[in-house]
Amino acid sequence: MFDIDPWTLLTIVGLGAVTVLTRGFFFISSKPWTLPRWAQRGLQYAPIAALSAVVVPEIVMSQGQLIQTWQDARLFAAAAGAAWFFWQRSVLGTILVGMAVYLPLHIGLGW
């Protein structure tokens, strides 16, 4: 029914073993342990870095190229959303304000 070559099977089994080992590593030791202070501090910035890595290219790039004009609704929506967030500290408000700016510019003006 399935014709799997040995290298593919070995790769799947190997990746499964690595996944189980790395995920179960914390349960192997009976002693509690903590990360070093520098690692804990670095992990505080990981969500911000990951979000920036996803959002910023979506705002400043189109079709894999940097946008060439200021007439892009995403720029104005991001600026309005950021301004709202720094003023009110509301994530829902940030989304609503950003979309309230983005949709008329994108749909209405075709930006």
N, C-alpha and C. Protein backbone atom coordinates (compact mmCIF):
# COMPACT_ATOMS: atom_id res chain seq x y z
N MET A 1 0.82 -1.19 0.00
CA MET A 1 0.00 0.00 0.00
C MET A 1 0.87 1.26 0.00
N PHE A 2 1.80 1.39 0.95
CA PHE A 2 2.71 2.52 0.98
C PHE A 2 4.10 2.04 0.59
N ASP A 3 4.72 2.79 -0.28
CA ASP A 3 6.07 2.45 -0.70
C ASP A 3 7.01 3.53 -0.16
N ILE A 4 7.54 3.31 1.06
CA ILE A 4 8.42 4.28 1.70
C ILE A 4 9.85 3.77 1.59
N ASP A 5 10.71 4.63 1.06
CA ASP A 5 12.10 4.20 0.96
C ASP A 5 12.74 4.26 2.35
N PRO A 6 13.80 3.48 2.58
CA PRO A 6 14.40 3.38 3.92
C PRO A 6 14.92 4.70 4.47
N TRP A 7 15.43 5.59 3.63
CA TRP A 7 15.95 6.87 4.11
C TRP A 7 14.83 7.76 4.65
N THR A 8 13.69 7.73 3.98
CA THR A 8 12.55 8.51 4.46
C THR A 8 12.08 7.97 5.80
N LEU A 9 11.98 6.67 5.91
CA LEU A 9 11.57 6.04 7.16
C LEU A 9 12.55 6.35 8.29
N LEU A 10 13.85 6.24 7.99
CA LEU A 10 14.88 6.56 8.98
C LEU A 10 14.80 8.03 9.41
N THR A 11 14.55 8.93 8.47
CA THR A 11 14.42 10.35 8.78
C THR A 11 13.22 10.59 9.70
N ILE A 12 12.09 9.97 9.40
CA ILE A 12 10.90 10.15 10.22
C ILE A 12 11.12 9.62 11.63
N VAL A 13 11.70 8.44 11.74
CA VAL A 13 11.98 7.85 13.05
C VAL A 13 13.00 8.70 13.82
N GLY A 14 14.03 9.16 13.13
CA GLY A 14 15.05 10.00 13.78
C GLY A 14 14.48 11.31 14.28
N LEU A 15 13.67 11.97 13.47
CA LEU A 15 13.06 13.23 13.91
C LEU A 15 12.09 12.99 15.07
N GLY A 16 11.37 11.88 15.03
CA GLY A 16 10.49 11.55 16.15
C GLY A 16 11.27 11.33 17.43
N ALA A 17 12.40 10.61 17.34
CA ALA A 17 13.23 10.35 18.51
C ALA A 17 13.80 11.65 19.08
N VAL A 18 14.28 12.52 18.20
CA VAL A 18 14.83 13.80 18.66
C VAL A 18 13.74 14.63 19.34
N THR A 19 12.54 14.63 18.77
CA THR A 19 11.43 15.38 19.35
C THR A 19 11.08 14.85 20.74
N VAL A 20 10.95 13.53 20.87
CA VAL A 20 10.61 12.94 22.17
C VAL A 20 11.71 13.22 23.19
N LEU A 21 12.96 13.10 22.78
CA LEU A 21 14.08 13.34 23.70
C LEU A 21 14.11 14.79 24.17
N THR A 22 13.99 15.74 23.23
CA THR A 22 14.07 17.14 23.64
C THR A 22 12.86 17.58 24.45
N ARG A 23 11.69 17.06 24.13
CA ARG A 23 10.49 17.43 24.89
C ARG A 23 10.47 16.75 26.26
N GLY A 24 11.03 15.55 26.35
CA GLY A 24 11.03 14.82 27.61
C GLY A 24 12.25 15.06 28.47
N PHE A 25 13.19 15.85 27.97
CA PHE A 25 14.44 16.11 28.68
C PHE A 25 14.19 16.67 30.07
N PHE A 26 13.19 17.51 30.22
CA PHE A 26 12.92 18.16 31.50
C PHE A 26 12.35 17.18 32.52
N PHE A 27 11.78 16.07 32.05
CA PHE A 27 11.21 15.09 32.96
C PHE A 27 12.22 14.01 33.37
N ILE A 28 13.34 13.94 32.67
CA ILE A 28 14.34 12.91 32.94
C ILE A 28 15.02 13.16 34.29
N SER A 29 15.36 14.39 34.58
CA SER A 29 16.05 14.72 35.82
C SER A 29 15.06 14.77 36.99
N SER A 30 15.47 14.25 38.12
CA SER A 30 14.61 14.29 39.29
C SER A 30 14.81 15.58 40.10
N LYS A 31 15.89 16.30 39.81
CA LYS A 31 16.16 17.54 40.52
C LYS A 31 15.56 18.72 39.76
N PRO A 32 14.98 19.67 40.47
CA PRO A 32 14.53 20.88 39.79
C PRO A 32 15.74 21.72 39.36
N TRP A 33 15.61 22.37 38.24
CA TRP A 33 16.70 23.22 37.78
C TRP A 33 16.13 24.48 37.17
N THR A 34 16.94 25.53 37.16
CA THR A 34 16.51 26.80 36.60
C THR A 34 17.50 27.24 35.54
N LEU A 35 17.02 28.05 34.67
CA LEU A 35 17.90 28.63 33.65
C LEU A 35 18.79 29.69 34.28
N PRO A 36 19.96 29.93 33.70
CA PRO A 36 20.78 31.04 34.19
C PRO A 36 20.05 32.37 34.00
N ARG A 37 20.43 33.33 34.79
CA ARG A 37 19.76 34.64 34.76
C ARG A 37 19.80 35.26 33.37
N TRP A 38 20.94 35.15 32.68
CA TRP A 38 21.05 35.76 31.35
C TRP A 38 20.09 35.10 30.36
N ALA A 39 19.85 33.80 30.51
CA ALA A 39 18.92 33.11 29.62
C ALA A 39 17.48 33.51 29.93
N GLN A 40 17.15 33.64 31.20
CA GLN A 40 15.81 34.09 31.58
C GLN A 40 15.54 35.48 31.05
N ARG A 41 16.52 36.33 31.15
CA ARG A 41 16.36 37.71 30.66
C ARG A 41 16.21 37.74 29.15
N GLY A 42 16.99 36.91 28.46
CA GLY A 42 16.88 36.85 27.01
C GLY A 42 15.54 36.33 26.54
N LEU A 43 14.98 35.38 27.27
CA LEU A 43 13.69 34.81 26.89
C LEU A 43 12.54 35.80 27.07
N GLN A 44 12.73 36.83 27.85
CA GLN A 44 11.70 37.85 27.99
C GLN A 44 11.48 38.60 26.68
N TYR A 45 12.51 38.67 25.84
CA TYR A 45 12.41 39.41 24.58
C TYR A 45 12.02 38.52 23.41
N ALA A 46 11.94 37.23 23.59
CA ALA A 46 11.64 36.31 22.50
C ALA A 46 10.28 36.57 21.86
N PRO A 47 9.20 36.76 22.62
CA PRO A 47 7.90 37.00 21.96
C PRO A 47 7.89 38.29 21.13
N ILE A 48 8.53 39.33 21.63
CA ILE A 48 8.58 40.59 20.89
C ILE A 48 9.38 40.41 19.61
N ALA A 49 10.49 39.72 19.69
CA ALA A 49 11.32 39.48 18.51
C ALA A 49 10.59 38.64 17.48
N ALA A 50 9.89 37.61 17.93
CA ALA A 50 9.16 36.74 17.00
C ALA A 50 8.02 37.51 16.33
N LEU A 51 7.28 38.29 17.10
CA LEU A 51 6.19 39.07 16.53
C LEU A 51 6.72 40.10 15.53
N SER A 52 7.81 40.75 15.86
CA SER A 52 8.41 41.72 14.94
C SER A 52 8.87 41.06 13.65
N ALA A 53 9.43 39.86 13.77
CA ALA A 53 9.91 39.15 12.59
C ALA A 53 8.78 38.77 11.65
N VAL A 54 7.57 38.64 12.17
CA VAL A 54 6.42 38.30 11.33
C VAL A 54 5.72 39.56 10.82
N VAL A 55 5.53 40.54 11.68
CA VAL A 55 4.71 41.70 11.34
C VAL A 55 5.45 42.72 10.47
N VAL A 56 6.66 43.07 10.82
CA VAL A 56 7.38 44.13 10.10
C VAL A 56 7.54 43.84 8.61
N PRO A 57 7.97 42.66 8.20
CA PRO A 57 8.05 42.41 6.75
C PRO A 57 6.70 42.53 6.05
N GLU A 58 5.63 42.16 6.74
CA GLU A 58 4.30 42.25 6.14
C GLU A 58 3.89 43.71 5.92
N ILE A 59 4.39 44.60 6.75
CA ILE A 59 4.04 46.02 6.62
C ILE A 59 4.88 46.70 5.55
N VAL A 60 6.16 46.42 5.49
CA VAL A 60 7.06 47.19 4.60
C VAL A 60 7.40 46.49 3.30
N MET A 61 6.87 45.28 3.07
CA MET A 61 7.18 44.56 1.83
C MET A 61 5.92 44.14 1.12
N SER A 62 6.03 44.05 -0.20
CA SER A 62 4.95 43.55 -1.03
C SER A 62 5.56 42.73 -2.15
N GLN A 63 5.10 41.51 -2.33
CA GLN A 63 5.63 40.63 -3.36
C GLN A 63 7.13 40.39 -3.19
N GLY A 64 7.62 40.39 -1.95
CA GLY A 64 9.03 40.14 -1.68
C GLY A 64 9.95 41.32 -1.91
N GLN A 65 9.40 42.47 -2.19
CA GLN A 65 10.18 43.69 -2.43
C GLN A 65 9.73 44.78 -1.46
N LEU A 66 10.67 45.64 -1.08
CA LEU A 66 10.29 46.79 -0.24
C LEU A 66 9.31 47.66 -1.02
N ILE A 67 8.32 48.19 -0.31
CA ILE A 67 7.36 49.05 -1.00
C ILE A 67 8.05 50.32 -1.47
N GLN A 68 7.64 50.82 -2.61
CA GLN A 68 8.31 51.96 -3.23
C GLN A 68 7.55 53.27 -3.07
N THR A 69 6.35 53.23 -2.52
CA THR A 69 5.53 54.42 -2.41
C THR A 69 4.98 54.58 -1.00
N TRP A 70 4.66 55.79 -0.63
CA TRP A 70 4.06 56.02 0.67
C TRP A 70 2.56 55.75 0.62
N GLN A 71 2.00 55.55 -0.58
CA GLN A 71 0.58 55.29 -0.72
C GLN A 71 0.28 53.81 -0.52
N ASP A 72 0.53 53.35 0.67
CA ASP A 72 0.26 51.97 1.05
C ASP A 72 -0.54 52.02 2.35
N ALA A 73 -1.71 51.43 2.31
CA ALA A 73 -2.62 51.50 3.45
C ALA A 73 -2.02 50.87 4.70
N ARG A 74 -1.14 49.88 4.51
CA ARG A 74 -0.56 49.20 5.66
C ARG A 74 0.30 50.15 6.50
N LEU A 75 1.00 51.06 5.87
CA LEU A 75 1.84 52.01 6.61
C LEU A 75 0.99 52.89 7.52
N PHE A 76 -0.08 53.43 6.99
CA PHE A 76 -0.94 54.31 7.77
C PHE A 76 -1.69 53.53 8.86
N ALA A 77 -2.13 52.32 8.54
CA ALA A 77 -2.83 51.51 9.53
C ALA A 77 -1.89 51.13 10.68
N ALA A 78 -0.66 50.77 10.35
CA ALA A 78 0.31 50.42 11.39
C ALA A 78 0.63 51.63 12.27
N ALA A 79 0.78 52.79 11.65
CA ALA A 79 1.07 54.00 12.42
C ALA A 79 -0.10 54.36 13.33
N ALA A 80 -1.33 54.27 12.81
CA ALA A 80 -2.51 54.59 13.62
C ALA A 80 -2.67 53.57 14.76
N GLY A 81 -2.47 52.29 14.45
CA GLY A 81 -2.57 51.27 15.49
C GLY A 81 -1.53 51.45 16.57
N ALA A 82 -0.30 51.76 16.17
CA ALA A 82 0.77 51.97 17.15
C ALA A 82 0.48 53.19 18.02
N ALA A 83 -0.03 54.26 17.39
CA ALA A 83 -0.37 55.46 18.16
C ALA A 83 -1.47 55.16 19.17
N TRP A 84 -2.48 54.41 18.74
CA TRP A 84 -3.55 54.04 19.66
C TRP A 84 -3.02 53.20 20.83
N PHE A 85 -2.16 52.24 20.50
CA PHE A 85 -1.64 51.39 21.57
C PHE A 85 -0.84 52.19 22.59
N PHE A 86 0.02 53.11 22.13
CA PHE A 86 0.82 53.89 23.07
C PHE A 86 -0.03 54.88 23.85
N TRP A 87 -1.18 55.26 23.30
CA TRP A 87 -2.07 56.18 24.00
C TRP A 87 -2.96 55.45 25.00
N GLN A 88 -3.57 54.32 24.58
CA GLN A 88 -4.56 53.65 25.42
C GLN A 88 -4.11 52.32 26.01
N ARG A 89 -3.05 51.71 25.48
CA ARG A 89 -2.57 50.39 25.93
C ARG A 89 -3.66 49.32 25.79
N SER A 90 -4.39 49.37 24.69
CA SER A 90 -5.48 48.44 24.45
C SER A 90 -5.19 47.66 23.16
N VAL A 91 -5.05 46.34 23.27
CA VAL A 91 -4.76 45.53 22.09
C VAL A 91 -5.96 45.49 21.16
N LEU A 92 -7.16 45.31 21.72
CA LEU A 92 -8.36 45.29 20.89
C LEU A 92 -8.54 46.63 20.17
N GLY A 93 -8.33 47.72 20.88
CA GLY A 93 -8.43 49.04 20.27
C GLY A 93 -7.40 49.23 19.17
N THR A 94 -6.21 48.69 19.37
CA THR A 94 -5.16 48.77 18.35
C THR A 94 -5.60 48.08 17.07
N ILE A 95 -6.18 46.90 17.21
CA ILE A 95 -6.65 46.16 16.04
C ILE A 95 -7.78 46.92 15.35
N LEU A 96 -8.74 47.41 16.13
CA LEU A 96 -9.88 48.12 15.56
C LEU A 96 -9.46 49.41 14.86
N VAL A 97 -8.60 50.19 15.48
CA VAL A 97 -8.14 51.44 14.87
C VAL A 97 -7.32 51.15 13.61
N GLY A 98 -6.44 50.17 13.68
CA GLY A 98 -5.66 49.82 12.50
C GLY A 98 -6.54 49.40 11.33
N MET A 99 -7.54 48.58 11.61
CA MET A 99 -8.45 48.14 10.54
C MET A 99 -9.35 49.28 10.07
N ALA A 100 -9.74 50.17 10.98
CA ALA A 100 -10.57 51.32 10.59
C ALA A 100 -9.81 52.26 9.66
N VAL A 101 -8.51 52.30 9.77
CA VAL A 101 -7.69 53.11 8.85
C VAL A 101 -7.39 52.33 7.58
N TYR A 102 -7.08 51.06 7.75
CA TYR A 102 -6.66 50.24 6.61
C TYR A 102 -7.77 50.03 5.58
N LEU A 103 -8.95 49.62 6.03
CA LEU A 103 -10.01 49.26 5.09
C LEU A 103 -10.46 50.40 4.17
N PRO A 104 -10.71 51.61 4.68
CA PRO A 104 -11.10 52.67 3.73
C PRO A 104 -9.97 53.00 2.74
N LEU A 105 -8.74 52.99 3.20
CA LEU A 105 -7.64 53.29 2.27
C LEU A 105 -7.44 52.19 1.24
N HIS A 106 -7.56 50.94 1.68
CA HIS A 106 -7.32 49.82 0.78
C HIS A 106 -8.49 49.60 -0.18
N ILE A 107 -9.71 49.59 0.38
CA ILE A 107 -10.89 49.34 -0.45
C ILE A 107 -11.34 50.60 -1.18
N GLY A 108 -11.39 51.72 -0.44
CA GLY A 108 -11.88 52.95 -1.03
C GLY A 108 -10.93 53.58 -2.05
N LEU A 109 -9.66 53.70 -1.68
CA LEU A 109 -8.69 54.35 -2.56
C LEU A 109 -7.87 53.36 -3.39
N GLY A 110 -7.95 52.09 -3.04
CA GLY A 110 -7.21 51.09 -3.80
C GLY A 110 -5.72 51.04 -3.48
N TRP A 111 -5.35 51.56 -2.33
CA TRP A 111 -3.93 51.54 -1.96
C TRP A 111 -3.51 50.16 -1.61
